[in-house]
């Protein structure tokens, strides 16, 4: 079937996709690895954490019990003691989780910064594309993943808690130390089971994301042939083709100037031709240029009676922000509306002079 994407992506296509940030990565796998590393560090440093927090709590309670320290000057050292203890307990876990997050991300996509992936894209605001994300196959997969996450959390928790339910029911009246020890033991067992289940889900999600990315990058046979043909062409031929394409594009642009409603100028360095007709949501830039191209646009406009209006800020802004064939963004609506209103208002006078 013509146009059917059945071919694997070429190295060039893969590199272009990577430059755009289109790579296979699983956020669930990232979260699972970070969770396991965090639990591992807590398990190793747990006794030390308890000791540090216990000493800090004793110092704080002793300070509070002394009426002389419970004032504006004495509260500072107490807060410093609490903060120091918190930092000693938190920094090892935070550092380990940060290293784990970076390591698993690099393991999935490699180490390369892609600035293009950070650039805002108006296509991401496309409601049709958004609807496909909400109602398409990917949404069904995400829904199944959400259900599995709940199962993977509830299942391991139930496995740990069910055998000790009678023991928990008989814990009424035990001392705080025994209660804390038993509770902490149960929490760590549940956390370990959940983490293992979560990493299985993360690996499965990474396999799905890789499959999805590979599918989105597939090419049809004609695309593969065209790429091979372009790669085999000499640099001089490629340059000539680009030059020819540029010349054809400029010729089409100049041919659109006579049908424009107005040409906004700098008045010498920039020229932007605008058209606004029935059925158009907003005015469209049909031609634009700088220096000699801008001069030629003004000459064609004068030959065909298209009004040329000097407005330096508007001309510079449109030339910089709007491509040929695109409608102007909302930021320029008011300024362009004023120019078009002036053109429409003075049209009878120009037609009378021309007659």
Protein backbone atom coordinates (compact mmCIF):
# COMPACT_ATOMS: atom_id res chain seq x y z
CA UNK A 1 0.00 0.00 0.00
CA UNK A 2 1.46 3.37 -1.05
CA UNK A 3 2.59 5.56 1.79
CA UNK A 4 2.35 2.78 4.37
CA UNK A 5 5.08 3.13 6.97
CA UNK A 6 6.61 -0.32 7.06
CA UNK A 7 10.35 0.42 7.08
CA UNK A 8 12.52 0.82 10.15
CA UNK A 9 13.88 4.29 10.81
CA UNK A 10 17.24 5.05 9.23
CA UNK A 11 20.17 6.31 11.36
CA UNK A 12 19.56 9.83 10.01
CA UNK A 13 15.88 9.69 10.98
CA UNK A 14 16.80 8.40 14.43
CA UNK A 15 19.29 11.22 14.94
CA UNK A 16 16.74 13.83 13.87
CA UNK A 17 14.18 12.34 16.26
CA UNK A 18 16.74 12.36 19.07
CA UNK A 19 17.58 16.01 18.38
CA UNK A 20 13.87 16.76 18.79
CA UNK A 21 13.76 14.87 22.11
CA UNK A 22 11.79 11.93 20.67
CA UNK A 23 13.37 9.08 22.63
CA UNK A 24 12.03 6.05 24.50
CA UNK A 25 11.97 6.59 28.24
CA UNK A 26 9.77 5.38 31.08
CA UNK A 27 8.91 7.68 33.96
CA UNK A 28 7.66 4.65 35.88
CA UNK A 29 11.05 2.95 35.58
CA UNK A 30 12.72 6.14 36.81
CA UNK A 31 10.40 6.30 39.82
CA UNK A 32 10.89 2.59 40.60
CA UNK A 33 14.70 2.81 40.57
CA UNK A 34 14.70 5.97 42.68
CA UNK A 35 12.31 4.31 45.16
CA UNK A 36 14.49 1.20 45.50
CA UNK A 37 17.66 3.25 45.94
CA UNK A 38 15.95 5.43 48.53
CA UNK A 39 14.76 2.40 50.48
CA UNK A 40 18.22 0.84 50.30
CA UNK A 41 19.85 3.97 51.71
CA UNK A 42 17.21 4.26 54.43
CA UNK A 43 17.77 0.61 55.37
CA UNK A 44 21.53 1.17 55.69
CA UNK A 45 21.42 4.53 57.45
CA UNK A 46 18.23 3.86 59.42
CA UNK A 47 19.88 3.07 62.77
CA UNK A 48 22.07 6.15 62.49
CA UNK A 49 19.04 8.28 61.56
CA UNK A 50 17.17 7.05 64.62
CA UNK A 51 20.15 7.83 66.83
CA UNK A 52 20.61 11.33 65.39
CA UNK A 53 16.91 12.15 65.63
CA UNK A 54 16.73 10.70 69.15
CA UNK A 55 19.65 12.83 70.38
CA UNK A 56 18.16 15.90 68.72
CA UNK A 57 14.79 15.23 70.32
CA UNK A 58 16.38 14.81 73.75
CA UNK A 59 18.27 18.09 73.38
CA UNK A 60 15.13 19.92 72.23
CA UNK A 61 12.98 18.51 75.04
CA UNK A 62 15.68 19.34 77.59
CA UNK A 63 15.85 22.86 76.25
CA UNK A 64 12.10 23.30 76.35
CA UNK A 65 11.99 22.01 79.93
CA UNK A 66 14.38 24.79 81.01
CA UNK A 67 12.35 28.01 81.43
CA UNK A 68 15.48 30.12 80.83
CA UNK A 69 15.90 28.82 77.28
CA UNK A 70 12.28 29.24 76.22
CA UNK A 71 12.63 32.80 74.95
CA UNK A 72 13.56 34.68 71.79
CA UNK A 73 17.28 33.99 72.17
CA UNK A 74 16.96 30.37 73.24
CA UNK A 75 14.63 29.26 70.43
CA UNK A 76 17.35 29.77 67.80
CA UNK A 77 19.71 27.04 69.07
CA UNK A 78 16.78 24.64 69.39
CA UNK A 79 15.79 25.25 65.77
CA UNK A 80 19.42 24.86 64.68
CA UNK A 81 19.61 21.50 66.46
CA UNK A 82 16.46 20.29 64.71
CA UNK A 83 17.69 21.56 61.33
CA UNK A 84 21.11 19.95 61.71
CA UNK A 85 19.55 16.60 62.56
CA UNK A 86 17.16 16.84 59.60
CA UNK A 87 20.01 17.64 57.19
CA UNK A 88 22.14 14.74 58.49
CA UNK A 89 19.27 12.35 57.88
CA UNK A 90 17.97 13.81 54.62
CA UNK A 91 21.13 14.60 52.61
CA UNK A 92 22.33 10.96 52.11
CA UNK A 93 18.90 9.86 50.88
CA UNK A 94 18.42 12.90 48.63
CA UNK A 95 21.90 12.60 47.14
CA UNK A 96 21.50 8.88 46.44
CA UNK A 97 18.06 9.39 44.84
CA UNK A 98 19.41 12.23 42.66
CA UNK A 99 22.31 10.12 41.42
CA UNK A 100 19.94 7.20 40.77
CA UNK A 101 17.52 9.42 38.82
CA UNK A 102 20.30 10.77 36.59
CA UNK A 103 21.85 7.32 36.12
CA UNK A 104 18.62 5.59 35.05
CA UNK A 105 17.75 8.46 32.71
CA UNK A 106 21.19 8.29 31.06
CA UNK A 107 20.86 4.50 30.84
CA UNK A 108 17.60 4.88 28.92
CA UNK A 109 18.35 7.76 26.54
CA UNK A 110 22.11 8.32 26.77
CA UNK A 111 23.84 11.54 27.76
CA UNK A 112 23.04 14.29 25.31
CA UNK A 113 21.42 17.68 25.84
CA UNK A 114 18.77 18.48 23.21
CA UNK A 115 17.83 22.19 23.35
CA UNK A 116 15.19 21.72 20.62
CA UNK A 117 13.18 19.49 22.96
CA UNK A 118 12.90 22.38 25.42
CA UNK A 119 11.57 24.85 22.86
CA UNK A 120 7.81 25.54 23.08
CA UNK A 121 5.77 24.13 20.19
CA UNK A 122 2.36 25.44 19.17
CA UNK A 123 1.56 21.99 17.77
CA UNK A 124 1.36 20.71 21.34
CA UNK A 125 -1.70 22.95 21.79
CA UNK A 126 -3.49 21.32 18.85
CA UNK A 127 -6.89 20.14 20.18
CA UNK A 128 -7.08 17.32 17.59
CA UNK A 129 -3.73 15.93 18.71
CA UNK A 130 -4.83 16.34 22.32
CA UNK A 131 -8.00 14.38 21.64
CA UNK A 132 -5.95 11.57 20.12
CA UNK A 133 -3.88 11.44 23.30
CA UNK A 134 -7.01 11.31 25.46
CA UNK A 135 -9.02 8.82 23.41
CA UNK A 136 -6.33 6.96 21.44
CA UNK A 137 -4.61 3.63 22.11
CA UNK A 138 -2.00 5.30 24.32
CA UNK A 139 -4.75 6.50 26.66
CA UNK A 140 -5.96 2.89 27.06
CA UNK A 141 -2.43 1.75 27.89
CA UNK A 142 -2.04 4.55 30.42
CA UNK A 143 -5.35 3.57 31.99
CA UNK A 144 -4.24 -0.05 32.32
CA UNK A 145 -0.95 1.12 33.82
CA UNK A 146 -2.83 3.18 36.42
CA UNK A 147 -4.90 0.14 37.40
CA UNK A 148 -1.78 -2.02 37.63
CA UNK A 149 -0.09 0.55 39.85
CA UNK A 150 -2.97 0.29 42.32
CA UNK A 151 -2.82 -3.51 42.18
CA UNK A 152 0.96 -3.51 42.58
CA UNK A 153 0.66 -1.36 45.70
CA UNK A 154 -2.36 -3.06 47.28
CA UNK A 155 -1.18 -6.61 46.47
CA UNK A 156 2.22 -6.51 48.23
CA UNK A 157 0.72 -4.61 51.15
CA UNK A 158 -1.97 -7.28 51.57
CA UNK A 159 0.60 -10.08 51.30
CA UNK A 160 2.56 -8.57 54.18
CA UNK A 161 -0.37 -7.53 56.37
CA UNK A 162 -2.67 -10.55 56.02
CA UNK A 163 -0.53 -13.08 57.98
CA UNK A 164 0.07 -10.60 60.84
CA UNK A 165 -3.50 -9.34 61.19
CA UNK A 166 -4.07 -11.35 64.43
CA UNK A 167 -0.80 -10.00 65.82
CA UNK A 168 -1.82 -6.41 64.98
CA UNK A 169 -5.17 -6.92 66.69
CA UNK A 170 -3.39 -7.99 69.90
CA UNK A 171 -1.05 -4.95 69.94
CA UNK A 172 -3.35 -2.91 72.19
CA UNK A 173 -1.50 -1.84 75.29
CA UNK A 174 2.07 -2.58 74.18
CA UNK A 175 4.80 -0.03 74.78
CA UNK A 176 5.70 2.70 72.30
CA UNK A 177 9.15 1.21 71.55
CA UNK A 178 7.72 -2.20 70.67
CA UNK A 179 4.91 -0.57 68.66
CA UNK A 180 7.36 1.60 66.75
CA UNK A 181 9.68 -1.33 66.00
CA UNK A 182 6.87 -3.54 64.70
CA UNK A 183 5.31 -0.72 62.67
CA UNK A 184 8.65 0.20 61.08
CA UNK A 185 9.31 -3.45 60.22
CA UNK A 186 5.94 -3.78 58.50
CA UNK A 187 6.41 -0.52 56.59
CA UNK A 188 9.83 -1.58 55.30
CA UNK A 189 8.54 -5.01 54.20
CA UNK A 190 5.61 -3.43 52.35
CA UNK A 191 7.88 -0.82 50.77
CA UNK A 192 10.35 -3.46 49.55
CA UNK A 193 7.58 -5.58 48.02
CA UNK A 194 5.98 -2.56 46.37
CA UNK A 195 9.33 -1.39 45.00
CA UNK A 196 10.08 -4.78 43.44
CA UNK A 197 6.61 -4.92 41.87
CA UNK A 198 6.96 -1.33 40.70
CA UNK A 199 10.27 -1.98 38.96
CA UNK A 200 8.70 -4.91 37.09
CA UNK A 201 5.97 -2.51 35.92
CA UNK A 202 8.64 0.08 35.04
CA UNK A 203 10.57 -2.40 32.86
CA UNK A 204 7.35 -3.38 31.09
CA UNK A 205 6.54 0.30 30.55
CA UNK A 206 10.01 0.95 29.10
CA UNK A 207 9.52 -1.92 26.62
CA UNK A 208 6.16 -0.40 25.61
CA UNK A 209 7.63 3.11 25.25
CA UNK A 210 10.46 1.75 23.10
CA UNK A 211 7.97 -0.09 20.88
CA UNK A 212 5.81 3.02 20.62
CA UNK A 213 8.78 5.23 19.72
CA UNK A 214 10.05 2.79 17.11
CA UNK A 215 6.58 2.64 15.55
CA UNK A 216 6.27 6.43 15.42
CA UNK A 217 9.61 6.72 13.61
CA UNK A 218 8.84 4.17 10.89
CA UNK A 219 9.18 5.36 7.31
CA UNK A 220 7.56 4.40 4.04
CA UNK A 221 9.63 3.05 1.15
CA UNK A 222 9.59 6.36 -0.72
CA UNK A 223 11.00 8.23 2.29
CA UNK A 224 13.84 5.72 2.54
CA UNK A 225 14.57 6.06 -1.18
CA UNK A 226 14.51 9.87 -1.04
CA UNK A 227 16.84 9.93 1.94
CA UNK A 228 19.30 7.57 0.27
CA UNK A 229 19.15 9.65 -2.90
CA UNK A 230 19.81 12.91 -1.05
CA UNK A 231 22.69 11.42 0.90
CA UNK A 232 24.33 10.19 -2.31
CA UNK A 233 24.12 13.56 -4.06
CA UNK A 234 27.25 15.74 -4.22
CA UNK A 235 27.34 18.85 -2.06
CA UNK A 236 27.24 21.09 -5.17
CA UNK A 237 24.00 19.44 -6.37
CA UNK A 238 22.41 19.77 -2.93
CA UNK A 239 23.37 23.45 -2.83
CA UNK A 240 21.90 23.98 -6.30
CA UNK A 241 18.67 22.25 -5.27
CA UNK A 242 18.36 24.44 -2.18
CA UNK A 243 19.02 27.53 -4.27
CA UNK A 244 16.37 26.50 -6.78
CA UNK A 245 13.85 25.80 -4.03
CA UNK A 246 14.60 29.20 -2.52
CA UNK A 247 14.11 30.94 -5.85
CA UNK A 248 10.79 29.15 -6.46
CA UNK A 249 9.61 30.05 -2.98
CA UNK A 250 10.53 33.71 -3.50
CA UNK A 251 8.78 33.75 -6.89
CA UNK A 252 5.58 32.38 -5.33
CA UNK A 253 5.85 34.96 -2.57
CA UNK A 254 6.26 37.85 -5.01
CA UNK A 255 3.31 36.57 -7.06
CA UNK A 256 1.11 36.89 -3.97
CA UNK A 257 1.93 40.59 -3.38
CA UNK A 258 -0.59 41.98 -5.95
CA UNK A 259 -3.43 40.23 -4.09
CA UNK A 260 -2.39 41.67 -0.71
CA UNK A 261 -4.52 44.23 1.10
CA UNK A 262 -1.60 46.24 2.49
CA UNK A 263 2.18 46.29 2.72
CA UNK A 264 3.60 47.41 6.08
CA UNK A 265 7.12 48.85 5.90
CA UNK A 266 9.98 49.92 8.15
CA UNK A 267 9.97 52.06 5.77
CA UNK A 268 13.21 50.98 4.03
CA UNK A 269 14.64 47.85 5.66
CA UNK A 270 11.55 45.62 6.08
CA UNK A 271 8.36 45.01 4.12
CA UNK A 272 5.51 42.69 5.09
CA UNK A 273 2.49 42.08 2.82
CA UNK A 274 -0.78 41.18 4.54
CA UNK A 275 -4.01 39.74 3.18
CA UNK A 276 -7.35 39.43 4.96
CA UNK A 277 -10.32 37.96 3.14
CA UNK A 278 -13.61 36.21 3.72
CA UNK A 279 -13.38 33.01 5.73
CA UNK A 280 -10.01 33.91 7.24
CA UNK A 281 -9.78 33.88 11.02
CA UNK A 282 -6.95 36.42 11.04
CA UNK A 283 -4.83 38.35 8.49
CA UNK A 284 -2.14 36.30 6.77
CA UNK A 285 1.42 37.20 5.86
CA UNK A 286 1.69 36.49 2.12
CA UNK A 287 5.16 38.00 1.60
CA UNK A 288 7.96 39.50 3.62
CA UNK A 289 11.54 40.55 3.06
CA UNK A 290 14.49 42.66 4.10
CA UNK A 291 16.55 45.27 2.20
CA UNK A 292 16.47 44.42 -1.56
CA UNK A 293 13.63 41.94 -1.18
CA UNK A 294 11.69 44.51 0.83
CA UNK A 295 12.28 47.07 -1.93
CA UNK A 296 11.00 44.66 -4.58
CA UNK A 297 7.86 43.97 -2.52
CA UNK A 298 7.17 47.71 -2.33
CA UNK A 299 7.74 48.11 -6.07
CA UNK A 300 5.28 45.33 -6.93
CA UNK A 301 2.76 46.77 -4.47
CA UNK A 302 3.06 50.21 -6.10
CA UNK A 303 2.62 48.70 -9.60
CA UNK A 304 -0.64 47.01 -8.58
CA UNK A 305 -2.06 49.72 -6.35
CA UNK A 306 -1.56 47.91 -3.05
CA UNK A 307 -1.32 50.48 -0.21
CA UNK A 308 2.11 50.79 1.41
CA UNK A 309 1.86 51.93 5.04
CA UNK A 310 4.96 52.90 7.08
CA UNK A 311 4.78 51.38 10.58
CA UNK A 312 8.33 50.47 11.75
CA UNK A 313 7.47 48.63 15.02
CA UNK A 314 4.73 46.58 13.37
CA UNK A 315 6.86 45.77 10.30
CA UNK A 316 9.82 44.65 12.41
CA UNK A 317 7.60 42.59 14.71
CA UNK A 318 5.76 40.82 11.89
CA UNK A 319 8.97 40.16 9.95
CA UNK A 320 10.60 38.60 13.00
CA UNK A 321 7.65 36.62 14.37
CA UNK A 322 5.46 35.42 11.48
CA UNK A 323 6.45 33.13 8.61
CA UNK A 324 5.07 33.51 5.10
CA UNK A 325 1.76 31.71 4.73
CA UNK A 326 0.97 31.96 8.45
CA UNK A 327 -1.75 33.97 10.12
CA UNK A 328 -0.65 36.69 12.50
CA UNK A 329 -0.73 35.87 16.25
CA UNK A 330 -3.13 37.54 18.63
CA UNK A 331 -0.46 39.97 19.86
CA UNK A 332 -0.61 41.82 16.53
CA UNK A 333 -4.39 41.87 16.11
CA UNK A 334 -4.95 45.42 17.35
CA UNK A 335 -2.08 47.02 15.44
CA UNK A 336 -2.95 45.25 12.17
CA UNK A 337 -6.65 46.03 12.63
CA UNK A 338 -5.84 49.74 12.84
CA UNK A 339 -3.78 49.57 9.64
CA UNK A 340 -6.48 47.64 7.76
CA UNK A 341 -9.18 50.01 9.02
CA UNK A 342 -7.20 52.94 7.62
CA UNK A 343 -6.73 51.12 4.28
CA UNK A 344 -10.44 50.31 3.95
CA UNK A 345 -11.44 53.83 4.98
CA UNK A 346 -9.21 55.49 2.39
CA UNK A 347 -9.89 53.01 -0.44
CA UNK A 348 -12.62 55.11 -2.14
CA UNK A 349 -10.26 58.11 -2.17
CA UNK A 350 -7.47 56.08 -3.80
CA UNK A 351 -9.84 54.60 -6.38
CA UNK A 352 -11.07 58.09 -7.24
CA UNK A 353 -7.53 59.38 -7.69
CA UNK A 354 -6.60 56.37 -9.82
CA UNK A 355 -9.65 56.95 -12.03
